[in-house]
Amino acid sequence: MIASDAAECILPASERTDGPSMRDAHCPICGQTAGLELQLRFGAKLQLPVEIDLRHCGKDNFLFVAGGRQSEYDQYYASNVNDSCHQEVAHGEVRSPISKLQCAHLVDALDQFFGPPRKVLDFGCGGASLLLELASSFPSSSFFGFEPGPAAQTASHRAKLLGLTNLTFGSLDEVSAFGPYDLVIASHVIEHVLDFDLFELLGGILTESGMLYIEVPDALQYPTQSRLEFLYYFDRLHVNHFTPQSLGRLAARYCFGYVKHFEYAFPYRDGGDYPALGMILRKGGETVDLPSPGILDSARRYIRQEKQRAEDVAKLLAGFEGVLVWGAGDNFYRSAGNGGPLGDLRNMVILDRRSCEVVAGEQTYRTMDPLSGIRGYGWPVIVTVSEGRSEISRQIADIDPDRRVLFI
């Protein structure tokens, strides 16, 4: 490994004058203009952008979403629970098999880090699934969690159920005051962040040689770990797609040195495995460059595979007079455009208990209550919702136990 040309630290936010601007075609790591690879359009959701560009920076081996402002995303995450996967895979249990696996990989990578008592913060801890494992495994260490959204209540409830006295939750100001920390964890956070100045905040609450653990989706493995949903990995919430090279370069811009990284896969709610990349960094440590396979090749292969799969599903759906579609969220919009399986249907009725208009391309649809729609049409039901699919299947079966259900 060689010294990276990204080692020079960037100016802190307090010394810059650019302000909270919208992400554009310039790479947020190096600033160079990045090439356009994919354009996606979604429905209205709070202040999130309805149109995004997926762009590629060849210099940093990095894919990112252009569009939107950090303040808009902060508002969204403060009002939405986005940590339901642990609950679905755990089938109602307090402790998640995902986090048991994640904890084992992290502890192994940290080697003897937890020999002495440590102070650890999980920034963006969600329902605290990983913290529960760590706090249970290392009772002499102190663990803290920060979560800006509604999942913080779930986290506190779970800790009380397990009787963990070495686990504390607080606001951003509170957990900052509890520092400095020996280790800060940002697990499946950085892929959602438009403003990378978060690294400044995390560095400021670490000890002088403190460790930072970042875990993100492993973008190089998208083609090998496809999901049920069309173009699942590319949306307006996952705004950064990293290789080890790009993640290491980003961290180096904020004076974090590389220690090690690893890849693994955890069980996902659709029955497959989800690819993850974990990287351990040290504040002020040695900066290295990490040659990685090209992310653009992986992304294009994944997109080709998805479009071929969509063609196969579209051929199947063309054999029906029409379809009922349960859900009009982001998965629906991806499937209704970009060569998706819902793009050229003759007849489509969208099921939703809320009466509203859904605009997809040149078509406008008025939603129909699921009970009325399923009783009124004998067409198959296409479920585009990612979460709670078992419950949706049960509801459909309660109305018509013989109805065909497909998930996309």
Protein backbone atom coordinates (compact mmCIF):
# COMPACT_ATOMS: atom_id res chain seq x y z
CA MET A 1 0.00 0.00 0.00
CA ILE A 2 1.24 3.49 -0.83
CA ALA A 3 0.69 6.94 0.59
CA SER A 4 -2.52 8.51 -0.69
CA ASP A 5 -2.66 11.84 -2.47
CA ALA A 6 -5.87 12.41 -0.46
CA ALA A 7 -3.97 12.71 2.82
CA GLU A 8 -4.18 16.49 3.14
CA CYS A 9 -6.97 17.33 5.58
CA ILE A 10 -9.80 19.52 4.34
CA LEU A 11 -10.73 22.78 5.97
CA PRO A 12 -13.22 22.48 8.84
CA ALA A 13 -16.73 23.74 8.16
CA SER A 14 -16.14 26.82 10.32
CA GLU A 15 -13.38 27.97 7.91
CA ARG A 16 -15.28 27.42 4.67
CA THR A 17 -17.78 29.73 3.02
CA ASP A 18 -19.65 27.42 0.65
CA GLY A 19 -22.55 26.71 3.05
CA PRO A 20 -25.18 23.94 2.89
CA SER A 21 -25.57 23.63 -0.89
CA MET A 22 -27.29 20.99 -2.98
CA ARG A 23 -25.18 18.09 -4.15
CA ASP A 24 -24.29 18.47 -7.80
CA ALA A 25 -22.21 16.75 -10.47
CA HIS A 26 -18.94 17.29 -8.58
CA CYS A 27 -17.48 14.39 -6.63
CA PRO A 28 -17.87 15.12 -2.89
CA ILE A 29 -14.46 13.56 -2.23
CA CYS A 30 -12.16 15.16 -4.82
CA GLY A 31 -14.37 17.85 -6.36
CA GLN A 32 -13.95 16.75 -9.96
CA THR A 33 -16.94 16.61 -12.32
CA ALA A 34 -18.33 13.08 -12.33
CA GLY A 35 -19.99 11.24 -15.20
CA LEU A 36 -23.72 10.48 -15.29
CA GLU A 37 -24.65 6.78 -15.12
CA LEU A 38 -28.34 6.60 -14.19
CA GLN A 39 -31.26 8.96 -13.62
CA LEU A 40 -34.13 8.06 -11.31
CA ARG A 41 -37.43 9.74 -10.50
CA PHE A 42 -39.50 9.21 -7.35
CA GLY A 43 -42.71 10.43 -5.77
CA ALA A 44 -42.96 13.27 -3.28
CA LYS A 45 -41.72 12.43 0.24
CA LEU A 46 -41.18 15.30 2.67
CA GLN A 47 -38.48 17.49 1.09
CA LEU A 48 -36.40 14.69 -0.43
CA PRO A 49 -35.45 15.21 -4.08
CA VAL A 50 -37.82 13.61 -6.62
CA GLU A 51 -35.15 13.43 -9.31
CA ILE A 52 -31.62 12.17 -8.71
CA ASP A 53 -28.54 11.44 -10.79
CA LEU A 54 -26.22 8.53 -10.07
CA ARG A 55 -22.71 9.70 -10.93
CA HIS A 56 -19.28 8.07 -11.10
CA CYS A 57 -15.91 9.50 -10.13
CA GLY A 58 -13.14 7.52 -11.79
CA LYS A 59 -10.40 9.19 -9.74
CA ASP A 60 -11.84 8.04 -6.41
CA ASN A 61 -13.53 4.84 -7.67
CA PHE A 62 -16.78 6.14 -6.19
CA LEU A 63 -20.49 6.29 -7.06
CA PHE A 64 -22.71 8.95 -5.55
CA VAL A 65 -26.16 10.52 -5.83
CA ALA A 66 -26.39 14.12 -7.01
CA GLY A 67 -29.44 16.02 -5.76
CA GLY A 68 -30.81 17.03 -2.38
CA ARG A 69 -29.49 18.90 0.65
CA GLN A 70 -28.34 17.52 3.98
CA SER A 71 -30.98 19.54 5.88
CA GLU A 72 -33.71 17.82 3.84
CA TYR A 73 -32.33 14.41 4.69
CA ASP A 74 -31.93 15.35 8.37
CA GLN A 75 -35.62 16.17 8.49
CA TYR A 76 -36.50 12.83 6.92
CA TYR A 77 -34.38 10.71 9.28
CA ALA A 78 -35.59 12.60 12.34
CA SER A 79 -39.17 11.56 11.56
CA ASN A 80 -38.81 8.03 10.16
CA VAL A 81 -37.80 4.65 11.51
CA ASN A 82 -35.24 3.09 9.16
CA ASP A 83 -33.94 0.21 11.24
CA SER A 84 -36.68 -2.40 10.79
CA CYS A 85 -34.54 -5.05 9.10
CA HIS A 86 -33.14 -6.26 12.43
CA GLN A 87 -36.67 -6.74 13.76
CA GLU A 88 -37.83 -8.68 10.72
CA VAL A 89 -34.83 -11.02 10.65
CA ALA A 90 -34.99 -11.49 14.45
CA HIS A 91 -38.68 -12.52 14.23
CA GLY A 92 -39.59 -10.46 17.27
CA GLU A 93 -36.59 -11.39 19.43
CA VAL A 94 -34.79 -8.60 21.28
CA ARG A 95 -31.37 -9.58 19.92
CA SER A 96 -30.73 -9.63 16.20
CA PRO A 97 -28.78 -12.37 14.36
CA ILE A 98 -27.50 -9.66 12.04
CA SER A 99 -25.82 -7.84 14.90
CA LYS A 100 -24.47 -11.02 16.46
CA LEU A 101 -22.61 -11.63 13.20
CA GLN A 102 -21.61 -7.97 12.87
CA CYS A 103 -20.33 -7.89 16.45
CA ALA A 104 -18.24 -11.03 15.93
CA HIS A 105 -16.56 -9.57 12.82
CA LEU A 106 -15.90 -6.22 14.48
CA VAL A 107 -14.47 -7.65 17.69
CA ASP A 108 -12.22 -9.99 15.71
CA ALA A 109 -10.95 -7.09 13.57
CA LEU A 110 -10.27 -4.97 16.67
CA ASP A 111 -8.11 -7.79 18.04
CA GLN A 112 -7.36 -7.07 21.74
CA PHE A 113 -9.01 -3.65 21.78
CA PHE A 114 -11.52 -4.61 24.50
CA GLY A 115 -8.84 -5.97 26.84
CA PRO A 116 -8.99 -2.85 29.08
CA PRO A 117 -12.31 -1.07 29.79
CA ARG A 118 -13.31 1.17 26.89
CA LYS A 119 -15.71 4.00 26.17
CA VAL A 120 -17.63 3.44 22.91
CA LEU A 121 -20.21 5.50 21.02
CA ASP A 122 -22.50 4.15 18.30
CA PHE A 123 -23.44 7.20 16.22
CA GLY A 124 -26.75 6.57 14.48
CA CYS A 125 -27.39 3.42 16.48
CA GLY A 126 -30.95 2.81 15.25
CA GLY A 127 -32.61 0.29 17.54
CA ALA A 128 -29.22 -0.38 19.20
CA SER A 129 -28.94 -3.97 17.96
CA LEU A 130 -25.13 -3.82 17.71
CA LEU A 131 -24.79 -1.99 21.03
CA LEU A 132 -26.80 -4.68 22.80
CA GLU A 133 -24.30 -7.30 21.64
CA LEU A 134 -21.26 -5.24 22.58
CA ALA A 135 -22.59 -4.16 25.96
CA SER A 136 -23.53 -7.76 26.79
CA SER A 137 -20.12 -9.09 25.74
CA PHE A 138 -17.98 -6.45 27.49
CA PRO A 139 -19.61 -5.48 30.81
CA SER A 140 -16.52 -3.58 32.03
CA SER A 141 -16.72 -1.12 29.11
CA SER A 142 -19.17 1.77 28.79
CA PHE A 143 -21.37 2.10 25.71
CA PHE A 144 -23.33 5.07 24.47
CA GLY A 145 -25.82 5.45 21.66
CA PHE A 146 -27.13 8.36 19.63
CA GLU A 147 -30.08 8.02 17.25
CA PRO A 148 -31.94 11.09 15.87
CA GLY A 149 -35.09 9.24 14.83
CA PRO A 150 -37.96 7.37 16.50
CA ALA A 151 -35.87 4.17 16.79
CA ALA A 152 -34.19 5.74 19.85
CA GLN A 153 -37.20 4.74 21.96
CA THR A 154 -36.88 1.14 20.79
CA ALA A 155 -33.18 1.19 21.67
CA SER A 156 -33.79 2.34 25.22
CA HIS A 157 -36.58 -0.22 25.71
CA ARG A 158 -34.38 -3.10 24.52
CA ALA A 159 -31.53 -2.13 26.86
CA LYS A 160 -33.93 -2.12 29.83
CA LEU A 161 -35.32 -5.53 28.85
CA LEU A 162 -31.81 -6.98 28.95
CA GLY A 163 -30.90 -5.16 32.18
CA LEU A 164 -27.79 -3.56 30.70
CA THR A 165 -26.38 -0.96 33.09
CA ASN A 166 -23.35 -0.11 30.93
CA LEU A 167 -25.43 1.23 28.05
CA THR A 168 -26.64 4.85 27.87
CA PHE A 169 -28.57 6.77 25.22
CA GLY A 170 -28.67 10.51 24.74
CA SER A 171 -29.03 13.48 22.43
CA LEU A 172 -26.15 14.64 20.27
CA ASP A 173 -25.15 17.25 22.85
CA GLU A 174 -25.34 14.69 25.66
CA VAL A 175 -23.26 11.99 23.98
CA SER A 176 -20.72 14.60 22.87
CA ALA A 177 -20.35 15.70 26.48
CA PHE A 178 -19.85 12.07 27.58
CA GLY A 179 -16.72 11.86 25.40
CA PRO A 180 -13.97 11.56 24.43
CA TYR A 181 -14.41 8.01 23.20
CA ASP A 182 -11.92 5.26 22.50
CA LEU A 183 -14.08 3.99 19.63
CA VAL A 184 -16.86 5.57 17.59
CA ILE A 185 -19.05 3.34 15.40
CA ALA A 186 -20.93 4.62 12.35
CA SER A 187 -22.68 1.50 11.08
CA HIS A 188 -24.70 1.96 7.88
CA VAL A 189 -24.73 5.71 8.37
CA ILE A 190 -22.14 7.15 5.96
CA GLU A 191 -23.90 5.80 2.86
CA HIS A 192 -26.86 8.05 3.80
CA VAL A 193 -24.84 11.25 4.39
CA LEU A 194 -24.57 14.08 1.88
CA ASP A 195 -22.37 16.27 4.07
CA PHE A 196 -19.14 14.49 4.94
CA ASP A 197 -18.32 17.08 7.60
CA LEU A 198 -19.81 14.48 9.95
CA PHE A 199 -16.24 13.12 10.04
CA GLU A 200 -15.17 16.35 11.76
CA LEU A 201 -17.74 15.83 14.48
CA LEU A 202 -16.72 12.20 15.01
CA GLY A 203 -13.05 13.10 15.10
CA GLY A 204 -13.76 15.81 17.66
CA ILE A 205 -15.26 13.37 20.18
CA LEU A 206 -12.54 10.72 19.86
CA THR A 207 -9.42 10.47 22.00
CA GLU A 208 -6.19 11.55 20.32
CA SER A 209 -5.54 8.06 18.91
CA GLY A 210 -9.14 6.88 19.01
CA MET A 211 -10.60 4.40 16.54
CA LEU A 212 -13.44 4.93 14.07
CA TYR A 213 -15.37 1.97 12.68
CA ILE A 214 -17.40 2.54 9.53
CA GLU A 215 -19.65 -0.07 7.95
CA VAL A 216 -21.39 0.49 4.62
CA PRO A 217 -22.93 -1.65 1.88
CA ASP A 218 -20.26 -3.36 -0.20
CA ALA A 219 -20.99 -1.80 -3.59
CA LEU A 220 -18.61 -4.11 -5.44
CA GLN A 221 -20.87 -7.04 -4.52
CA TYR A 222 -24.18 -5.62 -5.80
CA PRO A 223 -24.16 -7.92 -8.86
CA THR A 224 -23.63 -11.03 -6.69
CA GLN A 225 -26.27 -10.19 -4.06
CA SER A 226 -29.37 -9.09 -5.97
CA ARG A 227 -32.56 -8.19 -4.10
CA LEU A 228 -36.20 -8.85 -4.93
CA GLU A 229 -36.78 -5.16 -5.68
CA PHE A 230 -35.79 -3.75 -9.08
CA LEU A 231 -32.60 -1.63 -8.88
CA TYR A 232 -32.81 -1.91 -5.09
CA TYR A 233 -29.32 -0.59 -4.35
CA PHE A 234 -29.79 2.68 -6.22
CA ASP A 235 -32.23 5.08 -4.59
CA ARG A 236 -32.39 8.53 -3.01
CA LEU A 237 -31.53 7.33 0.52
CA HIS A 238 -28.32 5.45 -0.26
CA VAL A 239 -26.46 8.45 -1.62
CA ASN A 240 -22.90 7.04 -1.47
CA HIS A 241 -21.62 3.75 -2.88
CA PHE A 242 -18.14 2.90 -1.64
CA THR A 243 -15.19 0.75 -2.53
CA PRO A 244 -12.44 0.28 0.06
CA GLN A 245 -10.42 2.75 -2.02
CA SER A 246 -13.03 5.51 -1.99
CA LEU A 247 -13.90 5.05 1.68
CA GLY A 248 -10.24 5.16 2.67
CA ARG A 249 -9.67 8.29 0.58
CA LEU A 250 -12.68 10.01 2.10
CA ALA A 251 -11.53 9.22 5.64
CA ALA A 252 -8.02 10.45 4.84
CA ARG A 253 -9.43 13.84 3.87
CA TYR A 254 -10.46 14.18 7.50
CA CYS A 255 -7.13 12.94 8.92
CA PHE A 256 -8.20 9.37 9.65
CA GLY A 257 -5.58 6.73 8.91
CA TYR A 258 -6.37 3.26 7.64
CA VAL A 259 -5.98 0.27 9.96
CA LYS A 260 -7.80 -2.59 8.23
CA HIS A 261 -10.99 -3.54 6.42
CA PHE A 262 -13.05 -6.66 5.81
CA GLU A 263 -16.04 -7.79 3.81
CA TYR A 264 -18.84 -10.05 4.98
CA ALA A 265 -22.54 -10.66 4.35
CA PHE A 266 -25.41 -10.73 6.82
CA PRO A 267 -28.86 -12.34 6.49
CA TYR A 268 -31.45 -10.02 5.00
CA ARG A 269 -35.23 -9.95 5.29
CA ASP A 270 -35.74 -11.24 1.73
CA GLY A 271 -33.99 -14.51 2.54
CA GLY A 272 -30.71 -13.62 0.83
CA ASP A 273 -27.49 -12.12 2.13
CA TYR A 274 -26.63 -8.43 2.21
CA PRO A 275 -23.02 -7.47 1.36
CA ALA A 276 -21.19 -5.25 3.85
CA LEU A 277 -17.83 -3.50 3.97
CA GLY A 278 -16.30 -2.72 7.36
CA MET A 279 -13.31 -0.41 7.81
CA ILE A 280 -11.34 0.45 10.95
CA LEU A 281 -9.60 3.82 11.00
CA ARG A 282 -7.43 5.63 13.51
CA LYS A 283 -7.56 9.33 14.24
CA GLY A 284 -4.31 10.83 13.00
CA GLY A 285 -3.04 7.46 11.80
CA GLU A 286 -1.09 6.54 8.69
CA THR A 287 -2.80 7.25 5.39
CA VAL A 288 -2.68 4.57 2.72
CA ASP A 289 -4.30 4.10 -0.68
CA LEU A 290 -6.27 0.90 -1.23
CA PRO A 291 -6.40 -0.32 -4.83
CA SER A 292 -9.87 -1.75 -5.43
CA PRO A 293 -11.74 -3.24 -8.40
CA GLY A 294 -13.62 -0.72 -10.49
CA ILE A 295 -17.01 0.17 -9.08
CA LEU A 296 -18.30 1.32 -12.47
CA ASP A 297 -17.93 -2.17 -13.92
CA SER A 298 -19.81 -3.64 -10.96
CA ALA A 299 -22.58 -1.03 -11.20
CA ARG A 300 -23.07 -1.52 -14.93
CA ARG A 301 -23.14 -5.29 -14.54
CA TYR A 302 -25.73 -4.95 -11.80
CA ILE A 303 -27.91 -2.63 -13.91
CA ARG A 304 -27.73 -5.00 -16.89
CA GLN A 305 -28.75 -7.92 -14.70
CA GLU A 306 -31.65 -5.96 -13.24
CA LYS A 307 -32.96 -4.94 -16.65
CA GLN A 308 -32.78 -8.52 -17.91
CA ARG A 309 -34.63 -9.70 -14.83
CA ALA A 310 -37.22 -6.95 -15.34
CA GLU A 311 -37.79 -8.11 -18.92
CA ASP A 312 -38.50 -11.64 -17.68
CA VAL A 313 -41.00 -10.36 -15.08
CA ALA A 314 -42.63 -8.05 -17.63
CA LYS A 315 -43.18 -11.01 -20.00
CA LEU A 316 -44.89 -12.87 -17.16
CA LEU A 317 -47.12 -9.91 -16.28
CA ALA A 318 -48.04 -9.35 -19.93
CA GLY A 319 -49.98 -12.61 -19.77
CA PHE A 320 -52.54 -11.02 -17.43
CA GLU A 321 -55.23 -8.52 -18.34
CA GLY A 322 -53.93 -6.27 -15.59
CA VAL A 323 -52.25 -6.24 -12.17
CA LEU A 324 -52.94 -4.85 -8.73
CA VAL A 325 -49.92 -3.11 -7.20
CA TRP A 326 -49.61 -2.92 -3.42
CA GLY A 327 -47.54 0.13 -2.54
CA ALA A 328 -46.46 3.28 -4.36
CA GLY A 329 -43.18 4.06 -2.62
CA ASP A 330 -39.66 4.30 -4.03
CA ASN A 331 -39.59 0.66 -5.16
CA PHE A 332 -42.73 1.28 -7.20
CA TYR A 333 -41.23 4.29 -8.95
CA ARG A 334 -38.05 2.41 -9.81
CA SER A 335 -40.12 -0.45 -11.24
CA ALA A 336 -42.39 1.88 -13.22
CA GLY A 337 -39.47 3.51 -15.07
CA ASN A 338 -35.90 2.80 -16.15
CA GLY A 339 -36.91 -0.35 -18.04
CA GLY A 340 -38.58 -1.73 -14.92
CA PRO A 341 -41.18 -4.54 -14.89
CA LEU A 342 -44.16 -2.19 -14.37
CA GLY A 343 -43.29 0.20 -17.18
CA ASP A 344 -45.49 -1.08 -20.03
CA LEU A 345 -48.51 -2.70 -18.38
CA ARG A 346 -51.90 -2.41 -20.08
CA ASN A 347 -53.89 -2.05 -16.86
CA MET A 348 -52.66 -1.30 -13.36
CA VAL A 349 -54.55 -0.50 -10.15
CA ILE A 350 -52.54 0.78 -7.18
CA LEU A 351 -53.73 -0.39 -3.77
CA ASP A 352 -53.44 1.97 -0.83
CA ARG A 353 -55.69 2.69 2.13
CA ARG A 354 -55.03 6.37 1.58
CA SER A 355 -56.88 7.85 -1.37
CA CYS A 356 -54.42 9.83 -3.47
CA GLU A 357 -53.09 10.33 -6.98
CA VAL A 358 -49.89 8.63 -8.09
CA VAL A 359 -48.07 10.06 -11.11
CA ALA A 360 -45.67 7.66 -12.83
CA GLY A 361 -44.25 8.83 -16.13
CA GLU A 362 -47.11 10.01 -18.34
CA GLN A 363 -49.77 8.15 -16.34
CA THR A 364 -51.79 9.29 -13.33
CA TYR A 365 -53.43 6.70 -11.10
CA ARG A 366 -56.05 7.06 -8.35
CA THR A 367 -55.33 4.60 -5.55
CA MET A 368 -57.93 2.08 -4.42
CA ASP A 369 -58.50 0.54 -1.01
CA PRO A 370 -56.94 -2.99 -0.97
CA LEU A 371 -60.19 -4.69 0.05
CA SER A 372 -62.15 -3.06 -2.80
CA GLY A 373 -59.38 -3.60 -5.33
CA ILE A 374 -58.83 -7.29 -4.60
CA ARG A 375 -62.56 -8.03 -4.53
CA GLY A 376 -63.18 -6.00 -7.68
CA TYR A 377 -60.39 -7.40 -9.86
CA GLY A 378 -59.18 -10.97 -10.23
CA TRP A 379 -55.69 -9.87 -11.24
CA PRO A 380 -52.49 -10.92 -9.42
CA VAL A 381 -51.18 -8.66 -6.66
CA ILE A 382 -47.69 -7.23 -7.16
CA VAL A 383 -46.12 -6.18 -3.83
CA THR A 384 -43.52 -3.43 -4.19
CA VAL A 385 -43.21 -2.71 -0.46
CA SER A 386 -39.92 -3.88 1.09
CA GLU A 387 -40.91 -4.02 4.74
CA GLY A 388 -43.59 -6.15 6.35
CA ARG A 389 -44.13 -8.42 3.36
CA SER A 390 -45.29 -11.33 5.51
CA GLU A 391 -48.03 -9.18 7.02
CA ILE A 392 -49.08 -7.90 3.59
CA SER A 393 -49.29 -11.48 2.31
CA ARG A 394 -51.48 -12.37 5.27
CA GLN A 395 -53.81 -9.46 4.60
CA ILE A 396 -54.15 -10.45 0.94
CA ALA A 397 -54.86 -14.07 1.91
CA ASP A 398 -57.55 -12.90 4.35
CA ILE A 399 -59.36 -11.24 1.44
CA ASP A 400 -58.69 -13.96 -1.16
CA PRO A 401 -56.66 -17.01 -0.09
CA ASP A 402 -56.23 -18.13 -3.73
CA ARG A 403 -54.95 -14.81 -5.05
CA ARG A 404 -51.55 -14.93 -6.76
CA VAL A 405 -48.97 -12.70 -5.09
CA LEU A 406 -45.66 -11.64 -6.64
CA PHE A 407 -42.89 -9.61 -5.00
CA ILE A 408 -40.76 -7.16 -6.97
